[in-house]
Every structure is written in C-alpha cells, then in structure tokens.
Amino acid sequence: MNENDVYLRAKDCEKLTGIPEATWRWWAHIGYGPVSFKLGPRRRVWRKSAVLAWIAEQEQEQASRRGEAA
C-alpha cells in the first residue's frame, strides 16, 4: 500500500482539504464526493487516492466550464 492508498477518516480529510469534517460526513450520507465506506460498524473512511482523484476531477470540471485547460 503506497502513501496515497491509506485510509482517511473525516477529520483526516479535513486536514488534507480544509473542508470541515461535518461536511465530509454529510457528503457521505447523501452520496456526494469521493467514494467512502464503513470500516467496521461505525467508522467511515475514504482512500486518500480517491479523495485526491476526486479533487482533481472537480478542478478539471471547473476549468472546462470556464473554457480553460487544467
């Protein structure tokens, strides 16, 4: 497992992106954002690689809407 395939909790995602922990939890609840899953009965996690890929997709979508190259 490389450093981008570690599992992140919501608070780790907040540290990585600056997006509040509660937002990460809400997005998971409504099915928005990068793919997450439950690891055990209560802990929700995201793969760091999935979070980084999702951010890159968001950036590319925004750039294409503005007619820019990312």
N, C-alpha and C. Protein backbone atom coordinates (compact mmCIF):
# COMPACT_ATOMS: atom_id res chain seq x y z
N MET A 1 0.85 -1.18 0.00
CA MET A 1 0.00 0.00 0.00
C MET A 1 0.90 1.24 0.00
N ASN A 2 0.71 2.11 -0.99
CA ASN A 2 1.53 3.31 -1.02
C ASN A 2 0.89 4.42 -0.19
N GLU A 3 1.56 5.54 -0.09
CA GLU A 3 1.08 6.61 0.80
C GLU A 3 -0.25 7.21 0.38
N ASN A 4 -0.64 7.07 -0.89
CA ASN A 4 -1.93 7.58 -1.34
C ASN A 4 -3.06 6.56 -1.20
N ASP A 5 -2.75 5.36 -0.76
CA ASP A 5 -3.78 4.35 -0.55
C ASP A 5 -4.05 4.09 0.92
N VAL A 6 -3.72 5.04 1.75
CA VAL A 6 -4.06 4.93 3.17
C VAL A 6 -5.52 5.32 3.36
N TYR A 7 -6.11 4.90 4.45
CA TYR A 7 -7.49 5.24 4.75
C TYR A 7 -7.53 6.50 5.59
N LEU A 8 -8.45 7.39 5.22
CA LEU A 8 -8.62 8.66 5.93
C LEU A 8 -9.98 8.68 6.61
N ARG A 9 -10.01 9.19 7.82
CA ARG A 9 -11.28 9.47 8.48
C ARG A 9 -11.70 10.88 8.10
N ALA A 10 -12.90 11.28 8.48
CA ALA A 10 -13.40 12.62 8.13
C ALA A 10 -12.46 13.71 8.63
N LYS A 11 -11.92 13.55 9.83
CA LYS A 11 -11.02 14.58 10.35
C LYS A 11 -9.72 14.64 9.56
N ASP A 12 -9.28 13.50 9.03
CA ASP A 12 -8.08 13.48 8.19
C ASP A 12 -8.36 14.17 6.85
N CYS A 13 -9.56 13.95 6.31
CA CYS A 13 -9.96 14.62 5.07
C CYS A 13 -10.00 16.13 5.28
N GLU A 14 -10.46 16.55 6.46
CA GLU A 14 -10.49 17.98 6.77
C GLU A 14 -9.07 18.55 6.79
N LYS A 15 -8.15 17.84 7.41
CA LYS A 15 -6.76 18.30 7.45
C LYS A 15 -6.16 18.39 6.05
N LEU A 16 -6.51 17.44 5.20
CA LEU A 16 -5.97 17.39 3.85
C LEU A 16 -6.54 18.50 2.96
N THR A 17 -7.82 18.80 3.12
CA THR A 17 -8.50 19.69 2.17
C THR A 17 -8.96 21.02 2.75
N GLY A 18 -9.12 21.10 4.06
CA GLY A 18 -9.69 22.30 4.66
C GLY A 18 -11.21 22.29 4.67
N ILE A 19 -11.82 21.26 4.11
CA ILE A 19 -13.28 21.12 4.12
C ILE A 19 -13.67 20.50 5.45
N PRO A 20 -14.62 21.12 6.18
CA PRO A 20 -14.94 20.65 7.53
C PRO A 20 -15.34 19.17 7.60
N GLU A 21 -14.97 18.56 8.71
CA GLU A 21 -15.27 17.16 9.00
C GLU A 21 -16.76 16.86 8.83
N ALA A 22 -17.61 17.75 9.33
CA ALA A 22 -19.05 17.54 9.23
C ALA A 22 -19.51 17.50 7.78
N THR A 23 -18.88 18.28 6.93
CA THR A 23 -19.23 18.28 5.50
C THR A 23 -18.89 16.93 4.88
N TRP A 24 -17.73 16.38 5.22
CA TRP A 24 -17.36 15.06 4.70
C TRP A 24 -18.38 14.01 5.12
N ARG A 25 -18.82 14.09 6.36
CA ARG A 25 -19.82 13.11 6.84
C ARG A 25 -21.15 13.30 6.11
N TRP A 26 -21.55 14.56 5.91
CA TRP A 26 -22.81 14.84 5.23
C TRP A 26 -22.74 14.36 3.78
N TRP A 27 -21.65 14.66 3.12
CA TRP A 27 -21.50 14.22 1.74
C TRP A 27 -21.60 12.71 1.64
N ALA A 28 -20.99 11.99 2.54
CA ALA A 28 -21.07 10.52 2.53
C ALA A 28 -22.52 10.08 2.72
N HIS A 29 -23.23 10.77 3.59
CA HIS A 29 -24.63 10.44 3.88
C HIS A 29 -25.51 10.61 2.64
N ILE A 30 -25.26 11.68 1.87
CA ILE A 30 -26.11 11.95 0.70
C ILE A 30 -25.54 11.36 -0.59
N GLY A 31 -24.39 10.70 -0.51
CA GLY A 31 -23.82 10.05 -1.68
C GLY A 31 -23.05 10.99 -2.60
N TYR A 32 -22.54 12.08 -2.06
CA TYR A 32 -21.75 13.04 -2.84
C TYR A 32 -20.28 12.89 -2.47
N GLY A 33 -19.42 13.33 -3.36
CA GLY A 33 -17.99 13.32 -3.04
C GLY A 33 -17.34 12.01 -3.40
N PRO A 34 -16.09 11.86 -2.98
CA PRO A 34 -15.38 10.62 -3.29
C PRO A 34 -16.00 9.43 -2.58
N VAL A 35 -15.79 8.27 -3.14
CA VAL A 35 -16.35 7.04 -2.58
C VAL A 35 -15.79 6.81 -1.17
N SER A 36 -16.71 6.50 -0.27
CA SER A 36 -16.32 6.15 1.10
C SER A 36 -16.99 4.84 1.46
N PHE A 37 -16.56 4.26 2.55
CA PHE A 37 -17.19 3.02 3.00
C PHE A 37 -16.99 2.89 4.50
N LYS A 38 -17.80 2.04 5.09
CA LYS A 38 -17.68 1.80 6.53
C LYS A 38 -16.65 0.72 6.78
N LEU A 39 -15.78 1.00 7.70
CA LEU A 39 -14.76 0.06 8.14
C LEU A 39 -15.14 -0.31 9.56
N GLY A 40 -15.90 -1.37 9.68
CA GLY A 40 -16.49 -1.72 10.97
C GLY A 40 -17.88 -1.13 11.07
N PRO A 41 -18.50 -1.24 12.23
CA PRO A 41 -19.89 -0.82 12.36
C PRO A 41 -20.10 0.69 12.32
N ARG A 42 -19.09 1.49 12.66
CA ARG A 42 -19.32 2.93 12.76
C ARG A 42 -18.34 3.79 11.99
N ARG A 43 -17.15 3.33 11.77
CA ARG A 43 -16.11 4.18 11.19
C ARG A 43 -16.23 4.26 9.67
N ARG A 44 -16.39 5.47 9.16
CA ARG A 44 -16.42 5.70 7.72
C ARG A 44 -15.05 6.19 7.29
N VAL A 45 -14.56 5.65 6.18
CA VAL A 45 -13.23 6.03 5.69
C VAL A 45 -13.26 6.29 4.19
N TRP A 46 -12.26 7.03 3.75
CA TRP A 46 -12.02 7.33 2.35
C TRP A 46 -10.60 6.93 2.04
N ARG A 47 -10.35 6.41 0.86
CA ARG A 47 -8.97 6.19 0.42
C ARG A 47 -8.40 7.55 0.02
N LYS A 48 -7.19 7.80 0.46
CA LYS A 48 -6.55 9.07 0.13
C LYS A 48 -6.47 9.25 -1.38
N SER A 49 -6.15 8.18 -2.09
CA SER A 49 -6.06 8.27 -3.56
C SER A 49 -7.40 8.66 -4.18
N ALA A 50 -8.51 8.17 -3.62
CA ALA A 50 -9.84 8.52 -4.13
C ALA A 50 -10.16 9.99 -3.87
N VAL A 51 -9.77 10.48 -2.69
CA VAL A 51 -10.01 11.89 -2.35
C VAL A 51 -9.22 12.78 -3.30
N LEU A 52 -7.95 12.47 -3.51
CA LEU A 52 -7.11 13.28 -4.39
C LEU A 52 -7.61 13.23 -5.83
N ALA A 53 -8.05 12.07 -6.29
CA ALA A 53 -8.60 11.94 -7.65
C ALA A 53 -9.88 12.74 -7.79
N TRP A 54 -10.74 12.71 -6.78
CA TRP A 54 -11.99 13.45 -6.81
C TRP A 54 -11.72 14.96 -6.86
N ILE A 55 -10.75 15.42 -6.09
CA ILE A 55 -10.39 16.83 -6.11
C ILE A 55 -9.90 17.22 -7.50
N ALA A 56 -9.07 16.40 -8.10
CA ALA A 56 -8.57 16.68 -9.46
C ALA A 56 -9.72 16.73 -10.46
N GLU A 57 -10.70 15.84 -10.33
CA GLU A 57 -11.87 15.84 -11.20
C GLU A 57 -12.66 17.13 -11.04
N GLN A 58 -12.83 17.57 -9.79
CA GLN A 58 -13.57 18.80 -9.53
C GLN A 58 -12.86 19.99 -10.17
N GLU A 59 -11.55 20.02 -10.04
CA GLU A 59 -10.76 21.10 -10.62
C GLU A 59 -10.89 21.10 -12.14
N GLN A 60 -10.81 19.92 -12.74
CA GLN A 60 -10.91 19.81 -14.19
C GLN A 60 -12.29 20.22 -14.68
N GLU A 61 -13.34 19.81 -13.98
CA GLU A 61 -14.71 20.20 -14.35
C GLU A 61 -14.88 21.70 -14.29
N GLN A 62 -14.38 22.32 -13.24
CA GLN A 62 -14.49 23.78 -13.11
C GLN A 62 -13.75 24.49 -14.24
N ALA A 63 -12.56 24.00 -14.56
CA ALA A 63 -11.78 24.60 -15.64
C ALA A 63 -12.48 24.46 -16.98
N SER A 64 -13.09 23.30 -17.23
CA SER A 64 -13.76 23.09 -18.51
C SER A 64 -15.02 23.95 -18.62
N ARG A 65 -15.67 24.21 -17.50
CA ARG A 65 -16.84 25.10 -17.52
C ARG A 65 -16.44 26.53 -17.86
N ARG A 66 -15.24 26.90 -17.45
CA ARG A 66 -14.74 28.25 -17.73
C ARG A 66 -14.03 28.32 -19.07
N GLY A 67 -13.88 27.18 -19.73
CA GLY A 67 -13.20 27.14 -21.02
C GLY A 67 -11.70 27.18 -20.92
N GLU A 68 -11.17 26.74 -19.78
CA GLU A 68 -9.73 26.73 -19.56
C GLU A 68 -9.21 25.30 -19.68
N ALA A 69 -7.93 25.18 -19.87
CA ALA A 69 -7.29 23.87 -19.80
C ALA A 69 -6.73 23.69 -18.41
N ALA A 70 -6.94 22.52 -17.82
CA ALA A 70 -6.45 22.29 -16.45
C ALA A 70 -5.01 21.89 -16.44
